[in-house]
C-alpha atoms as a PDB file:
ATOM      1  CA  MET A   1      -9.273   8.237 112.537  1.00  0.00           C
ATOM      2  CA  ASP A   2      -9.653  11.946 112.639  1.00  0.00           C
ATOM      3  CA  ASP A   3     -10.401  13.470 109.424  1.00  0.00           C
ATOM      4  CA  GLU A   4     -10.789  17.001 110.940  1.00  0.00           C
ATOM      5  CA  PRO A   5      -8.762  19.538 109.059  1.00  0.00           C
ATOM      6  CA  VAL A   6      -5.966  21.172 111.548  1.00  0.00           C
ATOM      7  CA  LEU A   7      -6.441  24.955 111.540  1.00  0.00           C
ATOM      8  CA  VAL A   8      -3.543  27.172 112.279  1.00  0.00           C
ATOM      9  CA  ASP A   9      -4.126  30.537 114.008  1.00  0.00           C
ATOM     10  CA  SER A  10      -1.419  33.084 113.553  1.00  0.00           C
ATOM     11  CA  ALA A  11      -0.243  34.911 116.546  1.00  0.00           C
ATOM     12  CA  LEU A  12      -0.641  38.134 114.668  1.00  0.00           C
ATOM     13  CA  SER A  13      -4.406  37.963 114.722  1.00  0.00           C
ATOM     14  CA  GLN A  14      -5.775  40.736 116.901  1.00  0.00           C
ATOM     15  CA  GLU A  15      -8.356  43.316 117.456  1.00  0.00           C
ATOM     16  CA  ILE A  16      -7.986  46.707 115.995  1.00  0.00           C
ATOM     17  CA  GLU A  17     -10.011  50.034 116.364  1.00  0.00           C
ATOM     18  CA  VAL A  18     -10.877  52.073 113.542  1.00  0.00           C
ATOM     19  CA  ASP A  19     -13.101  55.127 113.547  1.00  0.00           C
ATOM     20  CA  GLY A  20     -14.278  54.146 117.249  1.00  0.00           C
ATOM     21  CA  TYR A  21     -15.263  50.568 116.119  1.00  0.00           C
ATOM     22  CA  VAL A  22     -13.587  47.391 117.028  1.00  0.00           C
ATOM     23  CA  PHE A  23     -12.712  44.704 114.498  1.00  0.00           C
ATOM     24  CA  GLU A  24     -11.169  41.198 114.751  1.00  0.00           C
ATOM     25  CA  ILE A  25      -8.499  40.491 112.216  1.00  0.00           C
ATOM     26  CA  ASN A  26      -8.366  36.613 112.032  1.00  0.00           C
ATOM     27  CA  ILE A  27      -5.158  35.181 110.160  1.00  0.00           C
ATOM     28  CA  PHE A  28      -5.251  31.482 109.723  1.00  0.00           C
ATOM     29  CA  ARG A  29      -4.318  28.561 107.517  1.00  0.00           C
ATOM     30  CA  LEU A  30      -4.934  24.929 107.237  1.00  0.00           C
ATOM     31  CA  GLY A  31      -2.251  22.860 108.772  1.00  0.00           C
ATOM     32  CA  HIS A  32      -0.920  21.247 105.378  1.00  0.00           C
ATOM     33  CA  GLU A  33      -0.956  24.708 103.600  1.00  0.00           C
ATOM     34  CA  THR A  34       1.576  27.498 103.563  1.00  0.00           C
ATOM     35  CA  SER A  35      -0.581  30.269 102.589  1.00  0.00           C
ATOM     36  CA  TRP A  36      -2.497  32.359 104.982  1.00  0.00           C
ATOM     37  CA  THR A  37      -6.382  33.379 104.859  1.00  0.00           C
ATOM     38  CA  LEU A  38      -7.298  36.800 106.039  1.00  0.00           C
ATOM     39  CA  GLU A  39     -10.658  37.442 107.639  1.00  0.00           C
ATOM     40  CA  VAL A  40     -12.067  40.760 109.226  1.00  0.00           C
ATOM     41  CA  VAL A  41     -15.084  40.532 111.645  1.00  0.00           C
ATOM     42  CA  ASP A  42     -16.966  43.727 112.632  1.00  0.00           C
ATOM     43  CA  GLU A  43     -18.852  44.135 116.004  1.00  0.00           C
ATOM     44  CA  ASP A  44     -22.028  42.595 114.627  1.00  0.00           C
ATOM     45  CA  ASN A  45     -19.891  39.539 113.855  1.00  0.00           C
ATOM     46  CA  THR A  46     -20.011  39.919 109.951  1.00  0.00           C
ATOM     47  CA  SER A  47     -17.117  38.195 108.400  1.00  0.00           C
ATOM     48  CA  HIS A  48     -15.153  39.671 105.437  1.00  0.00           C
ATOM     49  CA  VAL A  49     -12.832  37.119 103.856  1.00  0.00           C
ATOM     50  CA  TRP A  50     -10.347  37.912 101.258  1.00  0.00           C
ATOM     51  CA  ASP A  51     -10.307  35.881  98.170  1.00  0.00           C
ATOM     52  CA  ASP A  52      -6.545  35.957  97.707  1.00  0.00           C
ATOM     53  CA  THR A  53      -4.384  34.325 100.344  1.00  0.00           C
ATOM     54  CA  PHE A  54      -0.999  35.634 101.577  1.00  0.00           C
ATOM     55  CA  ALA A  55       2.479  34.093 101.702  1.00  0.00           C
ATOM     56  CA  SER A  56       2.955  35.071 105.194  1.00  0.00           C
ATOM     57  CA  ASP A  57       0.635  36.048 108.069  1.00  0.00           C
ATOM     58  CA  LEU A  58       2.639  39.491 108.403  1.00  0.00           C
ATOM     59  CA  SER A  59       1.765  40.301 104.960  1.00  0.00           C
ATOM     60  CA  ALA A  60      -2.042  39.296 105.729  1.00  0.00           C
ATOM     61  CA  LEU A  61      -1.875  41.692 108.779  1.00  0.00           C
ATOM     62  CA  MET A  62      -0.428  44.452 106.724  1.00  0.00           C
ATOM     63  CA  GLU A  63      -3.124  44.230 104.227  1.00  0.00           C
ATOM     64  CA  ALA A  64      -5.953  44.366 106.758  1.00  0.00           C
ATOM     65  CA  GLN A  65      -4.662  47.333 108.425  1.00  0.00           C
ATOM     66  CA  LYS A  66      -4.119  49.119 105.163  1.00  0.00           C
ATOM     67  CA  GLU A  67      -7.689  48.352 103.952  1.00  0.00           C
ATOM     68  CA  LEU A  68      -9.408  49.250 107.210  1.00  0.00           C
ATOM     69  CA  ARG A  69      -7.524  52.575 107.511  1.00  0.00           C
ATOM     70  CA  SER A  70      -7.818  53.387 103.864  1.00  0.00           C
ATOM     71  CA  MET A  71     -11.600  52.346 103.309  1.00  0.00           C
ATOM     72  CA  GLY A  72     -12.671  53.340 106.781  1.00  0.00           C
ATOM     73  CA  ALA A  73     -14.693  51.131 109.419  1.00  0.00           C
ATOM     74  CA  LYS A  74     -18.098  51.872 107.670  1.00  0.00           C
ATOM     75  CA  ALA A  75     -16.995  49.981 104.619  1.00  0.00           C
ATOM     76  CA  PHE A  76     -16.626  46.922 106.829  1.00  0.00           C
ATOM     77  CA  MET A  77     -19.792  47.380 109.037  1.00  0.00           C
ATOM     78  CA  ALA A  78     -22.785  45.000 108.857  1.00  0.00           C
ATOM     79  CA  GLY A  79     -25.541  46.517 106.667  1.00  0.00           C
ATOM     80  CA  GLU A  80     -23.039  48.494 104.279  1.00  0.00           C
ATOM     81  CA  ALA A  81     -22.080  47.285 100.934  1.00  0.00           C
ATOM     82  CA  PRO A  82     -19.295  44.954 101.363  1.00  0.00           C
ATOM     83  CA  PRO A  83     -15.871  46.263 100.318  1.00  0.00           C
ATOM     84  CA  THR A  84     -14.091  44.586  97.152  1.00  0.00           C
ATOM     85  CA  LEU A  85     -11.294  42.508  98.594  1.00  0.00           C
ATOM     86  CA  HIS A  86      -8.124  41.706  96.915  1.00  0.00           C
END
């Protein structure tokens, strides 16, 4: 019997370049859940995960893009103070 949770990755997960830096936007959910989790990973592999979940993967993607552009890349870089995530 396999007790491993099933992780569903969104097809909307992607890389984005902001201020010359590349970030991974990862959007995923557990197989039995309907809400999506949002994670942004910087070039140093530092992960920023939102506390709130999203009703759709599209709303998660839009939030990541908005926050990266409004706060700027440096706010998400390793060694910088982590951003406050909604």
